[in-house]
Amino acid sequence: MRVGPIALFYAASILTMPIGIAATPTCEKTIIAELPSPDGMMSAGVLEYVCRDGGFVTVVSGRVVIVPSGKEANKESEVLVVDTGGRQENIPRIVWASSTLLNITVPVNSLIGLQKDLYSGIRVNVKFEPDDPAARQRFLMELQNLR
């Protein structure tokens, strides 16, 4: 499991809030997509979370979950969390390549907060669009320079 800039940004935002502002974020969840695996045993979903701290911080994230069919998603079932900035074009797209491989496509300049390569026997493959490794590297270097 990798923790990226979105998780660090959110943690820093909560830790540096002024006294008197609620530190417990409230989140609204919207199901964007749900897709059963080819064998029908598992289901992948894309959820959008809008979390507010009650003050100045709002974080909008797209989350991809994998669960057995008919089961509810939980924090453990999240395989990808990406900061969408509230823009529809930044929401992850999912496609089952097989019953054991889920492909997820996100923009090349995505801030990834959590990424799992394997969950419950399902391999997770994250692809960037456009498929430009040099552009992804430049984006990550720019993030490093902001620190």
Foldseek 3Di string as FASTA:
>chain_A
DDFFDVVVVLVVCLVPDDPPFASDKDKDKDWDDKAAFPVRQKIKTWIWIWIDRRDDDTFIKIWIFMGTPPDDGDPLRTAWIWGQVPDPLQHWDWDHPHNQEIEIEGALLITTGHHDQHDPNHGYHYAHPPRDVVSSVVNVVVVVVVD
